């Protein structure tokens, strides 16, 4: 009787446990997808400190994996692995690939690795194909923002399976993330390790809340998407027929769709000290102070104020 009671208790507890997303996938055995990454990092959408040279705004190659819920490439509010750190900071993929391979060997959580070429500008497209399995229906990837301290975009565990079928097409807007391993605020910040390491956090128009932050736009409620990814299921061809044509958009360095302009107000320095009083003795003279432009306005933002100011004074050291 005691054993029976214990068995019923265990079964009841097991039935109350949450079911992982990929355990209920009953779709066909395999599915192939075309994955298209579109960069939307333009000077119009992100005018503040936009990198124009050494190096200009661009995207690293994409590194991704199809996997089960037992594996995680990266997660918001958790610490980045050594592999993600190397990729986000330097674009080096070897450690991250080794981590993926070891996870696949130990717990059979990985179905395959995929990659797509880099994009040499902030806008444009790159694409590749990937394969998912009912036991490995999740997709994760990272793309480094270049230049940046340790910033990237990506997807964490997107499930392409819906019960007994695979999704035909899905598009996701992407926003910048900080890997938490480098403390730079701007695109061109020098390497300055974060000690102790911080967790992966999303960069927003108000966080980090610092005027030096390259993505700091206090007048916006939300940042516009800096990139987008689209996955399209590739239909199987019938025996004896050529493979179906997939209308993948052509690679381009132009903005794919209309982008709202992000206004950027002028920013100026503090006033300098007043200069010497100049003028004729025993008469009112003038002295001047100046300031300089820290950030030029863009997209109909507030224009710069006067950069010099003059006031009356009495000349000194007159004879």
Foldseek 3Di string as FASTA:
>chain_A
DVVVVVVVVVVVVVVPDDDFPLVQEAAPFKFKKKKKKWFQQDCQQQVFVQADPPNHWWKAKKKKFFWAPVDKCADFQAAHDPQLQCCQAPVDRPVSVVVQVVCCVPPVTTDDMDIWHITRHRGKMIMDMDMYGSRGQFMKMWMYTPQARRKIKMDITDGQGDRHHGNAKDKDFIAMKHNQFADDQDSPDDGHGDVPGGHIHTDWLCPVPDPSHSSPDPVDPTRGGRMMMMMGIFDDDDPPDDGDDDPDDDIDRDHPDDDHGRWDAWDKDDKDDWDAFDDDAPDKTKIKIFIGTPDQTDDPHHHDDDGMDMDIDHHPPDD
